[in-house]
C-alpha cells in the first residue's frame, strides 16, 4: 500500500467571463488519484469537510480507486484555491486557508496512517507549511524514517512560504528533505528557494543529506534524476498541446511513484532505489504529466491511457 498524506483543496479554475469551474484538487489528493488511476493500491490520509466540497472529494477519490481508510471526517470547511491560467496554460493560485479542515491534524488522527503494510508515504505542499498540522505531520515523518521500513517521499511544492520569508521557508523545506528517502522538486521551487543558483546544483546538495534520490522537474524540458553515488539521468518530456498545467507536477509524482513501485524500489527505506532503470522511470513520469497537461484541470490519466500512448 502507498499512502499519500495531506490536503484536499477545491481548485476554482477561471474559464473566462467571470466563470469558474470547481475541480477536486490539492497536491496530495491529486497524487493519490493519479496513483489509483495507474493501478496502484493507494490510500489518502486527509481531513475532509462535511460540506458539499467534501462530498465531491469523496466521490472523486472513490471513482479513482483510492482507499478511504485514512480519511478523517472534519467539522471545518474545505480549503479553496482560485487558479488563473495564462495564455500559455500556466496556472497561478490564490488560497483561502484560514480555519479550514486540512491543517487541524491531531496526533490520534495520524497514529494509524503508516503501518507495517505501508511501502511508502508521500507528502508535501501545504500539509508541511501550515500549522498546527504541519508540526504533527513532520513528527510522523521522523518516526517513519526511524522505523526504517517505509520509504518517505516528499514534494516541497512550495506554496505558502512564498508569502513569507525565504530563509524560513528554505529552512523548513531542508528539515523535511533530511527526513526523506525520495524527493521530487520543480526547478521553479528550487529557483525560489535558492535564487541565482543553478537548480540542479542546489538539488545536488540534497542528495545523500537524507534522500537516496532527488528528481528535478523542468516543465516541458523533462526531468533530471540525481541518484546518490551515481551519475545524473536526464529525459525529455513528450510533446503535447497544453490545455493547462494544473496538476501536472502531481501527475509526475504519481507516475514516478508508480514506476518505482512496479520495480520493487519502495518499502525498504530507500535501499531499493539504487540500481533502478531511472531512464524508464522518468519516461513514464514525464508521459503521465504530459497527458495531464493535455486536459483541463488536475485530471491524470489511467494506466490504460498511458500504455496506449506508449504504444
C-alpha atoms as a PDB file:
ATOM      1  CA  UNK A   1       0.000   0.000   0.000  1.00  0.00           C
ATOM      2  CA  UNK A   2       1.149   3.517  -0.867  1.00  0.00           C
ATOM      3  CA  UNK A   3      -0.187   6.234   1.422  1.00  0.00           C
ATOM      4  CA  UNK A   4      -0.412   9.909   0.496  1.00  0.00           C
ATOM      5  CA  UNK A   5      -0.769  12.380   3.355  1.00  0.00           C
ATOM      6  CA  UNK A   6      -2.011  15.940   3.021  1.00  0.00           C
ATOM      7  CA  UNK A   7      -4.625  18.344   1.823  1.00  0.00           C
ATOM      8  CA  UNK A   8      -7.667  18.146  -0.437  1.00  0.00           C
ATOM      9  CA  UNK A   9      -8.294  21.573  -1.966  1.00  0.00           C
ATOM     10  CA  UNK A  10     -11.075  22.898  -4.180  1.00  0.00           C
ATOM     11  CA  UNK A  11      -9.449  24.300  -7.330  1.00  0.00           C
ATOM     12  CA  UNK A  12     -11.686  27.020  -8.764  1.00  0.00           C
ATOM     13  CA  UNK A  13     -10.294  27.357 -12.282  1.00  0.00           C
ATOM     14  CA  UNK A  14     -11.134  30.511 -14.239  1.00  0.00           C
ATOM     15  CA  UNK A  15     -12.878  29.815 -17.552  1.00  0.00           C
ATOM     16  CA  UNK A  16     -13.467  33.420 -18.687  1.00  0.00           C
ATOM     17  CA  UNK A  17     -16.483  35.710 -18.440  1.00  0.00           C
ATOM     18  CA  UNK A  18     -16.209  35.576 -14.628  1.00  0.00           C
ATOM     19  CA  UNK A  19     -16.945  31.848 -14.676  1.00  0.00           C
ATOM     20  CA  UNK A  20     -15.060  29.344 -12.514  1.00  0.00           C
ATOM     21  CA  UNK A  21     -15.251  25.580 -12.512  1.00  0.00           C
ATOM     22  CA  UNK A  22     -14.680  23.631  -9.290  1.00  0.00           C
ATOM     23  CA  UNK A  23     -12.183  20.768  -9.582  1.00  0.00           C
ATOM     24  CA  UNK A  24     -11.196  18.452  -6.719  1.00  0.00           C
ATOM     25  CA  UNK A  25      -7.521  19.235  -6.203  1.00  0.00           C
ATOM     26  CA  UNK A  26      -4.699  19.829  -3.777  1.00  0.00           C
ATOM     27  CA  UNK A  27      -1.309  18.286  -4.432  1.00  0.00           C
ATOM     28  CA  UNK A  28      -1.636  15.222  -2.142  1.00  0.00           C
ATOM     29  CA  UNK A  29      -5.173  14.413  -3.323  1.00  0.00           C
ATOM     30  CA  UNK A  30      -4.016  14.720  -6.947  1.00  0.00           C
ATOM     31  CA  UNK A  31      -1.102  12.342  -6.320  1.00  0.00           C
ATOM     32  CA  UNK A  32      -3.374   9.772  -4.658  1.00  0.00           C
ATOM     33  CA  UNK A  33      -5.881   9.961  -7.518  1.00  0.00           C
ATOM     34  CA  UNK A  34      -3.074   9.604 -10.046  1.00  0.00           C
ATOM     35  CA  UNK A  35      -1.720   6.516  -8.283  1.00  0.00           C
ATOM     36  CA  UNK A  36      -5.168   4.960  -8.110  1.00  0.00           C
ATOM     37  CA  UNK A  37      -5.734   5.503 -11.826  1.00  0.00           C
ATOM     38  CA  UNK A  38      -2.340   3.936 -12.528  1.00  0.00           C
ATOM     39  CA  UNK A  39      -3.460   0.775 -10.775  1.00  0.00           C
ATOM     40  CA  UNK A  40      -1.505   1.179  -7.545  1.00  0.00           C
ATOM     41  CA  UNK A  41      -3.075   0.279  -4.174  1.00  0.00           C
ATOM     42  CA  UNK A  42      -3.205   3.695  -2.511  1.00  0.00           C
ATOM     43  CA  UNK A  43      -4.864   5.441   0.405  1.00  0.00           C
ATOM     44  CA  UNK A  44      -5.201   9.154   1.103  1.00  0.00           C
ATOM     45  CA  UNK A  45      -4.819  10.429   4.651  1.00  0.00           C
ATOM     46  CA  UNK A  46      -6.765  13.692   4.592  1.00  0.00           C
ATOM     47  CA  UNK A  47      -9.222  15.645   6.719  1.00  0.00           C
ATOM     48  CA  UNK A  48     -12.361  16.080   4.592  1.00  0.00           C
ATOM     49  CA  UNK A  49     -15.060  18.562   5.480  1.00  0.00           C
ATOM     50  CA  UNK A  50     -18.722  17.636   5.731  1.00  0.00           C
ATOM     51  CA  UNK A  51     -19.586  20.422   3.284  1.00  0.00           C
ATOM     52  CA  UNK A  52     -20.576  19.961  -0.372  1.00  0.00           C
ATOM     53  CA  UNK A  53     -16.949  20.098  -1.489  1.00  0.00           C
ATOM     54  CA  UNK A  54     -16.058  17.335   0.973  1.00  0.00           C
ATOM     55  CA  UNK A  55     -18.684  15.145  -0.673  1.00  0.00           C
ATOM     56  CA  UNK A  56     -17.149  15.994  -4.067  1.00  0.00           C
ATOM     57  CA  UNK A  57     -13.735  14.868  -2.801  1.00  0.00           C
ATOM     58  CA  UNK A  58     -15.075  11.538  -1.544  1.00  0.00           C
ATOM     59  CA  UNK A  59     -16.831  10.809  -4.830  1.00  0.00           C
ATOM     60  CA  UNK A  60     -13.713  11.745  -6.791  1.00  0.00           C
ATOM     61  CA  UNK A  61     -11.477   9.511  -4.672  1.00  0.00           C
ATOM     62  CA  UNK A  62     -13.872   6.557  -4.885  1.00  0.00           C
ATOM     63  CA  UNK A  63     -14.007   6.919  -8.666  1.00  0.00           C
ATOM     64  CA  UNK A  64     -10.223   6.582  -8.823  1.00  0.00           C
ATOM     65  CA  UNK A  65      -9.993   3.529  -6.534  1.00  0.00           C
ATOM     66  CA  UNK A  66      -8.369   5.410  -3.634  1.00  0.00           C
ATOM     67  CA  UNK A  67      -8.768   3.506  -0.348  1.00  0.00           C
ATOM     68  CA  UNK A  68     -10.794   5.637   2.138  1.00  0.00           C
ATOM     69  CA  UNK A  69      -9.473   4.028   5.345  1.00  0.00           C
ATOM     70  CA  UNK A  70      -7.403   7.063   6.374  1.00  0.00           C
ATOM     71  CA  UNK A  71      -9.950   9.779   5.598  1.00  0.00           C
ATOM     72  CA  UNK A  72     -10.981  11.837   8.623  1.00  0.00           C
ATOM     73  CA  UNK A  73     -14.426  13.453   8.880  1.00  0.00           C
ATOM     74  CA  UNK A  74     -13.727  17.102   9.787  1.00  0.00           C
ATOM     75  CA  UNK A  75     -16.057  19.787  11.093  1.00  0.00           C
ATOM     76  CA  UNK A  76     -14.150  22.654   9.471  1.00  0.00           C
ATOM     77  CA  UNK A  77     -14.867  23.913   5.900  1.00  0.00           C
ATOM     78  CA  UNK A  78     -12.893  22.885   2.820  1.00  0.00           C
ATOM     79  CA  UNK A  79      -9.860  24.839   1.613  1.00  0.00           C
ATOM     80  CA  UNK A  80     -10.243  26.865  -1.599  1.00  0.00           C
ATOM     81  CA  UNK A  81      -7.708  27.741  -4.294  1.00  0.00           C
ATOM     82  CA  UNK A  82      -8.542  30.095  -7.151  1.00  0.00           C
ATOM     83  CA  UNK A  83      -6.469  29.224 -10.224  1.00  0.00           C
ATOM     84  CA  UNK A  84      -5.902  31.737 -13.020  1.00  0.00           C
ATOM     85  CA  UNK A  85      -4.487  30.278 -16.227  1.00  0.00           C
ATOM     86  CA  UNK A  86      -2.379  32.442 -18.568  1.00  0.00           C
ATOM     87  CA  UNK A  87      -2.414  32.092 -22.406  1.00  0.00           C
ATOM     88  CA  UNK A  88       0.389  29.511 -22.172  1.00  0.00           C
ATOM     89  CA  UNK A  89      -1.679  27.302 -19.878  1.00  0.00           C
ATOM     90  CA  UNK A  90       0.379  28.088 -16.751  1.00  0.00           C
ATOM     91  CA  UNK A  91      -1.670  28.483 -13.587  1.00  0.00           C
ATOM     92  CA  UNK A  92      -1.191  30.816 -10.627  1.00  0.00           C
ATOM     93  CA  UNK A  93      -3.086  30.403  -7.363  1.00  0.00           C
ATOM     94  CA  UNK A  94      -4.677  32.354  -4.543  1.00  0.00           C
ATOM     95  CA  UNK A  95      -5.592  30.374  -1.420  1.00  0.00           C
ATOM     96  CA  UNK A  96      -8.267  30.552   1.280  1.00  0.00           C
ATOM     97  CA  UNK A  97      -6.861  28.511   4.184  1.00  0.00           C
ATOM     98  CA  UNK A  98      -7.847  30.213   7.426  1.00  0.00           C
ATOM     99  CA  UNK A  99      -9.688  27.805   9.757  1.00  0.00           C
ATOM    100  CA  UNK A 100     -10.149  25.124   7.090  1.00  0.00           C
ATOM    101  CA  UNK A 101     -10.134  21.370   7.609  1.00  0.00           C
ATOM    102  CA  UNK A 102      -6.765  20.353   6.188  1.00  0.00           C
ATOM    103  CA  UNK A 103      -4.409  21.771   8.817  1.00  0.00           C
ATOM    104  CA  UNK A 104      -6.059  20.611  12.063  1.00  0.00           C
ATOM    105  CA  UNK A 105      -4.455  17.170  12.406  1.00  0.00           C
ATOM    106  CA  UNK A 106      -4.300  15.608  15.863  1.00  0.00           C
ATOM    107  CA  UNK A 107      -1.778  13.010  16.979  1.00  0.00           C
ATOM    108  CA  UNK A 108      -4.636  10.498  17.382  1.00  0.00           C
ATOM    109  CA  UNK A 109      -5.790  11.023  13.773  1.00  0.00           C
ATOM    110  CA  UNK A 110      -2.284  10.386  12.452  1.00  0.00           C
ATOM    111  CA  UNK A 111      -1.492   7.426  14.704  1.00  0.00           C
ATOM    112  CA  UNK A 112      -2.588   4.675  12.304  1.00  0.00           C
ATOM    113  CA  UNK A 113      -1.706   6.289   8.973  1.00  0.00           C
ATOM    114  CA  UNK A 114       1.529   4.303   8.476  1.00  0.00           C
ATOM    115  CA  UNK A 115       1.751   0.632   9.431  1.00  0.00           C
ATOM    116  CA  UNK A 116       3.800  -2.442   8.510  1.00  0.00           C
ATOM    117  CA  UNK A 117       1.895  -2.773   5.235  1.00  0.00           C
ATOM    118  CA  UNK A 118       2.790   0.736   4.028  1.00  0.00           C
ATOM    119  CA  UNK A 119       5.516   0.583   1.370  1.00  0.00           C
ATOM    120  CA  UNK A 120       5.787   4.351   1.009  1.00  0.00           C
ATOM    121  CA  UNK A 121       4.289   7.516   2.454  1.00  0.00           C
ATOM    122  CA  UNK A 122       4.248  10.584   0.211  1.00  0.00           C
ATOM    123  CA  UNK A 123       3.548  14.118   1.390  1.00  0.00           C
ATOM    124  CA  UNK A 124       4.385  17.750   0.733  1.00  0.00           C
ATOM    125  CA  UNK A 125       2.873  21.056  -0.293  1.00  0.00           C
ATOM    126  CA  UNK A 126       0.825  22.996   2.272  1.00  0.00           C
ATOM    127  CA  UNK A 127       0.473  19.977   4.578  1.00  0.00           C
ATOM    128  CA  UNK A 128       4.022  20.763   5.718  1.00  0.00           C
ATOM    129  CA  UNK A 129       3.626  24.544   5.687  1.00  0.00           C
ATOM    130  CA  UNK A 130       0.511  25.318   7.734  1.00  0.00           C
ATOM    131  CA  UNK A 131       0.272  24.757  11.486  1.00  0.00           C
ATOM    132  CA  UNK A 132      -0.728  23.075  13.683  1.00  0.00           C
ATOM    133  CA  UNK A 133      -0.969  20.151  11.252  1.00  0.00           C
ATOM    134  CA  UNK A 134       2.482  20.682   9.717  1.00  0.00           C
ATOM    135  CA  UNK A 135       4.255  20.066  13.025  1.00  0.00           C
ATOM    136  CA  UNK A 136       2.377  16.801  13.587  1.00  0.00           C
ATOM    137  CA  UNK A 137       2.987  15.568  10.051  1.00  0.00           C
ATOM    138  CA  UNK A 138       6.695  16.309  10.476  1.00  0.00           C
ATOM    139  CA  UNK A 139       6.734  14.327  13.735  1.00  0.00           C
ATOM    140  CA  UNK A 140       5.144  11.388  11.917  1.00  0.00           C
ATOM    141  CA  UNK A 141       7.806  11.504   9.204  1.00  0.00           C
ATOM    142  CA  UNK A 142      10.538  11.376  11.846  1.00  0.00           C
ATOM    143  CA  UNK A 143       9.021   8.244  13.337  1.00  0.00           C
ATOM    144  CA  UNK A 144       8.620   6.623   9.929  1.00  0.00           C
ATOM    145  CA  UNK A 145      12.204   7.388   8.938  1.00  0.00           C
ATOM    146  CA  UNK A 146      13.487   5.990  12.242  1.00  0.00           C
ATOM    147  CA  UNK A 147      11.409   2.848  11.739  1.00  0.00           C
ATOM    148  CA  UNK A 148      13.337   2.067   8.563  1.00  0.00           C
ATOM    149  CA  UNK A 149      10.606   0.047   6.830  1.00  0.00           C
ATOM    150  CA  UNK A 150       8.713   2.627   4.784  1.00  0.00           C
ATOM    151  CA  UNK A 151      10.019   4.894   2.025  1.00  0.00           C
ATOM    152  CA  UNK A 152       9.422   8.580   2.768  1.00  0.00           C
ATOM    153  CA  UNK A 153       8.641  10.578  -0.398  1.00  0.00           C
ATOM    154  CA  UNK A 154       8.479  14.386  -0.364  1.00  0.00           C
ATOM    155  CA  UNK A 155       7.479  17.087  -2.842  1.00  0.00           C
ATOM    156  CA  UNK A 156       8.057  20.572  -1.359  1.00  0.00           C
ATOM    157  CA  UNK A 157       5.639  22.179  -3.861  1.00  0.00           C
ATOM    158  CA  UNK A 158       6.253  25.475  -2.098  1.00  0.00           C
ATOM    159  CA  UNK A 159       3.064  27.497  -1.791  1.00  0.00           C
ATOM    160  CA  UNK A 160       2.568  29.416   1.447  1.00  0.00           C
ATOM    161  CA  UNK A 161       6.302  30.009   2.072  1.00  0.00           C
ATOM    162  CA  UNK A 162       6.289  32.410  -0.876  1.00  0.00           C
ATOM    163  CA  UNK A 163       4.080  34.707   1.166  1.00  0.00           C
ATOM    164  CA  UNK A 164       6.657  34.836   3.955  1.00  0.00           C
ATOM    165  CA  UNK A 165      10.391  34.919   4.375  1.00  0.00           C
ATOM    166  CA  UNK A 166      12.596  32.927   2.034  1.00  0.00           C
ATOM    167  CA  UNK A 167      15.043  31.971   4.784  1.00  0.00           C
ATOM    168  CA  UNK A 168      12.347  30.455   6.991  1.00  0.00           C
ATOM    169  CA  UNK A 169      10.788  28.661   4.025  1.00  0.00           C
ATOM    170  CA  UNK A 170      14.124  27.218   2.968  1.00  0.00           C
ATOM    171  CA  UNK A 171      14.891  26.006   6.500  1.00  0.00           C
ATOM    172  CA  UNK A 172      11.504  24.281   6.750  1.00  0.00           C
ATOM    173  CA  UNK A 173      11.979  22.532   3.396  1.00  0.00           C
ATOM    174  CA  UNK A 174      15.518  21.406   4.218  1.00  0.00           C
ATOM    175  CA  UNK A 175      14.333  19.952   7.526  1.00  0.00           C
ATOM    176  CA  UNK A 176      11.902  17.665   5.721  1.00  0.00           C
ATOM    177  CA  UNK A 177      14.363  16.858   2.924  1.00  0.00           C
ATOM    178  CA  UNK A 178      16.653  15.374   5.601  1.00  0.00           C
ATOM    179  CA  UNK A 179      13.822  13.010   6.623  1.00  0.00           C
ATOM    180  CA  UNK A 180      13.071  11.810   3.081  1.00  0.00           C
ATOM    181  CA  UNK A 181      14.363   8.887   1.013  1.00  0.00           C
ATOM    182  CA  UNK A 182      12.940  10.290  -2.230  1.00  0.00           C
ATOM    183  CA  UNK A 183      12.384  13.937  -3.188  1.00  0.00           C
ATOM    184  CA  UNK A 184      10.683  15.285  -6.288  1.00  0.00           C
ATOM    185  CA  UNK A 185      11.032  19.058  -6.701  1.00  0.00           C
ATOM    186  CA  UNK A 186      10.358  21.518  -9.521  1.00  0.00           C
ATOM    187  CA  UNK A 187      13.051  23.775 -10.918  1.00  0.00           C
ATOM    188  CA  UNK A 188      10.715  26.714 -10.156  1.00  0.00           C
ATOM    189  CA  UNK A 189      10.624  25.858  -6.456  1.00  0.00           C
ATOM    190  CA  UNK A 190      14.404  25.426  -6.375  1.00  0.00           C
ATOM    191  CA  UNK A 191      14.833  28.811  -8.066  1.00  0.00           C
ATOM    192  CA  UNK A 192      12.725  30.425  -5.342  1.00  0.00           C
ATOM    193  CA  UNK A 193      14.495  28.577  -2.518  1.00  0.00           C
ATOM    194  CA  UNK A 194      17.992  29.281  -3.875  1.00  0.00           C
ATOM    195  CA  UNK A 195      17.815  32.426  -6.050  1.00  0.00           C
ATOM    196  CA  UNK A 196      20.620  32.931  -8.525  1.00  0.00           C
ATOM    197  CA  UNK A 197      21.831  29.345  -8.222  1.00  0.00           C
ATOM    198  CA  UNK A 198      21.654  26.551 -10.771  1.00  0.00           C
ATOM    199  CA  UNK A 199      18.641  24.462  -9.625  1.00  0.00           C
ATOM    200  CA  UNK A 200      20.435  21.199 -10.325  1.00  0.00           C
ATOM    201  CA  UNK A 201      23.408  22.270  -8.227  1.00  0.00           C
ATOM    202  CA  UNK A 202      21.071  23.152  -5.366  1.00  0.00           C
ATOM    203  CA  UNK A 203      19.262  19.814  -5.656  1.00  0.00           C
ATOM    204  CA  UNK A 204      22.598  18.032  -5.766  1.00  0.00           C
ATOM    205  CA  UNK A 205      23.328  19.200  -2.225  1.00  0.00           C
ATOM    206  CA  UNK A 206      20.201  17.409  -1.035  1.00  0.00           C
ATOM    207  CA  UNK A 207      21.357  14.054  -2.404  1.00  0.00           C
ATOM    208  CA  UNK A 208      22.802  11.988   0.399  1.00  0.00           C
ATOM    209  CA  UNK A 209      21.798  14.524   3.066  1.00  0.00           C
ATOM    210  CA  UNK A 210      18.798  12.279   3.556  1.00  0.00           C
ATOM    211  CA  UNK A 211      17.438  11.290   0.137  1.00  0.00           C
ATOM    212  CA  UNK A 212      18.838   8.460  -1.945  1.00  0.00           C
ATOM    213  CA  UNK A 213      17.201  10.027  -4.996  1.00  0.00           C
ATOM    214  CA  UNK A 214      16.226  13.594  -5.908  1.00  0.00           C
ATOM    215  CA  UNK A 215      14.242  14.204  -9.105  1.00  0.00           C
ATOM    216  CA  UNK A 216      14.046  17.723 -10.541  1.00  0.00           C
ATOM    217  CA  UNK A 217      11.216  18.509 -12.964  1.00  0.00           C
ATOM    218  CA  UNK A 218      11.892  21.036 -15.733  1.00  0.00           C
ATOM    219  CA  UNK A 219       8.411  21.593 -17.140  1.00  0.00           C
ATOM    220  CA  UNK A 220       8.297  20.976 -20.874  1.00  0.00           C
ATOM    221  CA  UNK A 221      12.013  20.186 -20.850  1.00  0.00           C
ATOM    222  CA  UNK A 222      11.517  16.940 -18.939  1.00  0.00           C
ATOM    223  CA  UNK A 223      13.242  15.897 -15.729  1.00  0.00           C
ATOM    224  CA  UNK A 224      16.602  15.007 -14.207  1.00  0.00           C
ATOM    225  CA  UNK A 225      17.197  12.245 -11.652  1.00  0.00           C
ATOM    226  CA  UNK A 226      20.061  12.729  -9.201  1.00  0.00           C
ATOM    227  CA  UNK A 227      20.788   9.389  -7.501  1.00  0.00           C
ATOM    228  CA  UNK A 228      23.190   9.124  -4.580  1.00  0.00           C
ATOM    229  CA  UNK A 229      26.534   7.726  -5.706  1.00  0.00           C
ATOM    230  CA  UNK A 230      25.698   7.683  -9.424  1.00  0.00           C
ATOM    231  CA  UNK A 231      25.571   9.990 -12.442  1.00  0.00           C
ATOM    232  CA  UNK A 232      22.509  12.136 -13.186  1.00  0.00           C
ATOM    233  CA  UNK A 233      19.935  10.854 -15.659  1.00  0.00           C
ATOM    234  CA  UNK A 234      18.037  13.318 -17.860  1.00  0.00           C
ATOM    235  CA  UNK A 235      14.996  12.643 -20.022  1.00  0.00           C
ATOM    236  CA  UNK A 236      12.988  14.905 -22.315  1.00  0.00           C
ATOM    237  CA  UNK A 237       9.225  15.280 -21.927  1.00  0.00           C
ATOM    238  CA  UNK A 238       6.995  14.209 -24.846  1.00  0.00           C
ATOM    239  CA  UNK A 239       5.421  16.988 -26.899  1.00  0.00           C
ATOM    240  CA  UNK A 240       1.820  17.816 -26.051  1.00  0.00           C
ATOM    241  CA  UNK A 241      -0.724  20.510 -26.838  1.00  0.00           C
ATOM    242  CA  UNK A 242      -1.089  22.173 -23.444  1.00  0.00           C
ATOM    243  CA  UNK A 243      -4.574  22.969 -22.184  1.00  0.00           C
ATOM    244  CA  UNK A 244      -3.259  23.954 -18.753  1.00  0.00           C
ATOM    245  CA  UNK A 245      -0.587  22.843 -16.296  1.00  0.00           C
ATOM    246  CA  UNK A 246      -2.905  22.404 -13.305  1.00  0.00           C
ATOM    247  CA  UNK A 247      -1.888  19.206 -11.514  1.00  0.00           C
ATOM    248  CA  UNK A 248       0.963  18.394 -13.901  1.00  0.00           C
ATOM    249  CA  UNK A 249       3.606  18.205 -11.182  1.00  0.00           C
ATOM    250  CA  UNK A 250       1.360  15.998  -9.074  1.00  0.00           C
ATOM    251  CA  UNK A 251       0.751  13.711 -12.053  1.00  0.00           C
ATOM    252  CA  UNK A 252       4.526  13.444 -12.468  1.00  0.00           C
ATOM    253  CA  UNK A 253       4.805  12.401  -8.805  1.00  0.00           C
ATOM    254  CA  UNK A 254       2.147   9.738  -9.346  1.00  0.00           C
ATOM    255  CA  UNK A 255       3.947   8.412 -12.399  1.00  0.00           C
ATOM    256  CA  UNK A 256       7.268   8.447 -10.573  1.00  0.00           C
ATOM    257  CA  UNK A 257       5.983   6.584  -7.508  1.00  0.00           C
ATOM    258  CA  UNK A 258       4.025   4.069  -9.591  1.00  0.00           C
ATOM    259  CA  UNK A 259       7.046   3.305 -11.787  1.00  0.00           C
ATOM    260  CA  UNK A 260       9.257   2.816  -8.728  1.00  0.00           C
ATOM    261  CA  UNK A 261       6.635   0.617  -7.052  1.00  0.00           C
ATOM    262  CA  UNK A 262       6.367  -1.551 -10.179  1.00  0.00           C
ATOM    263  CA  UNK A 263      10.121  -2.131  -9.941  1.00  0.00           C
ATOM    264  CA  UNK A 264      10.058  -3.055  -6.258  1.00  0.00           C
ATOM    265  CA  UNK A 265      12.055   0.019  -5.313  1.00  0.00           C
ATOM    266  CA  UNK A 266       9.811   1.205  -2.465  1.00  0.00           C
ATOM    267  CA  UNK A 267       9.365  -0.066   1.059  1.00  0.00           C
ATOM    268  CA  UNK A 268      12.960  -0.629   2.118  1.00  0.00           C
ATOM    269  CA  UNK A 269      13.703   2.898   3.324  1.00  0.00           C
ATOM    270  CA  UNK A 270      15.346   3.779   0.028  1.00  0.00           C
ATOM    271  CA  UNK A 271      17.545   0.665  -0.221  1.00  0.00           C
ATOM    272  CA  UNK A 272      15.665  -0.371  -3.366  1.00  0.00           C
ATOM    273  CA  UNK A 273      16.278   2.916  -5.194  1.00  0.00           C
ATOM    274  CA  UNK A 274      19.893   2.316  -6.322  1.00  0.00           C
ATOM    275  CA  UNK A 275      20.095   0.184  -9.449  1.00  0.00           C
ATOM    276  CA  UNK A 276      16.660   1.106 -10.799  1.00  0.00           C
ATOM    277  CA  UNK A 277      16.375   1.954 -14.520  1.00  0.00           C
ATOM    278  CA  UNK A 278      15.876   5.662 -13.914  1.00  0.00           C
ATOM    279  CA  UNK A 279      15.557   6.495 -17.616  1.00  0.00           C
ATOM    280  CA  UNK A 280      12.478   4.268 -17.884  1.00  0.00           C
ATOM    281  CA  UNK A 281      11.087   5.645 -14.614  1.00  0.00           C
ATOM    282  CA  UNK A 282      11.466   9.249 -15.788  1.00  0.00           C
ATOM    283  CA  UNK A 283       9.967   8.451 -19.205  1.00  0.00           C
ATOM    284  CA  UNK A 284       6.839   7.082 -17.535  1.00  0.00           C
ATOM    285  CA  UNK A 285       6.537  10.026 -15.128  1.00  0.00           C
ATOM    286  CA  UNK A 286       7.045  12.590 -17.906  1.00  0.00           C
ATOM    287  CA  UNK A 287       4.393  10.916 -20.048  1.00  0.00           C
ATOM    288  CA  UNK A 288       1.850  10.879 -17.208  1.00  0.00           C
ATOM    289  CA  UNK A 289       2.464  14.602 -16.640  1.00  0.00           C
ATOM    290  CA  UNK A 290       2.248  15.401 -20.371  1.00  0.00           C
ATOM    291  CA  UNK A 291      -1.089  13.630 -20.747  1.00  0.00           C
ATOM    292  CA  UNK A 292      -2.422  15.629 -17.796  1.00  0.00           C
ATOM    293  CA  UNK A 293      -1.329  18.897 -19.438  1.00  0.00           C
ATOM    294  CA  UNK A 294      -3.492  17.982 -22.419  1.00  0.00           C
ATOM    295  CA  UNK A 295      -6.628  18.156 -20.257  1.00  0.00           C
ATOM    296  CA  UNK A 296      -8.369  20.849 -18.251  1.00  0.00           C
ATOM    297  CA  UNK A 297      -7.678  20.830 -14.527  1.00  0.00           C
ATOM    298  CA  UNK A 298      -5.996  18.121 -12.437  1.00  0.00           C
ATOM    299  CA  UNK A 299      -7.180  15.090 -14.422  1.00  0.00           C
ATOM    300  CA  UNK A 300      -4.406  12.450 -14.524  1.00  0.00           C
ATOM    301  CA  UNK A 301      -4.593   9.528 -16.972  1.00  0.00           C
ATOM    302  CA  UNK A 302      -5.409   5.891 -16.307  1.00  0.00           C
ATOM    303  CA  UNK A 303      -2.871   3.105 -16.774  1.00  0.00           C
ATOM    304  CA  UNK A 304      -4.678   2.044 -19.960  1.00  0.00           C
ATOM    305  CA  UNK A 305      -4.360   5.573 -21.393  1.00  0.00           C
ATOM    306  CA  UNK A 306      -0.656   5.686 -20.522  1.00  0.00           C
ATOM    307  CA  UNK A 307       0.021   2.302 -22.088  1.00  0.00           C
ATOM    308  CA  UNK A 308      -1.897   3.303 -25.210  1.00  0.00           C
ATOM    309  CA  UNK A 309       0.211   6.454 -25.503  1.00  0.00           C
ATOM    310  CA  UNK A 310       3.409   4.444 -25.059  1.00  0.00           C
ATOM    311  CA  UNK A 311       2.310   2.025 -27.783  1.00  0.00           C
END
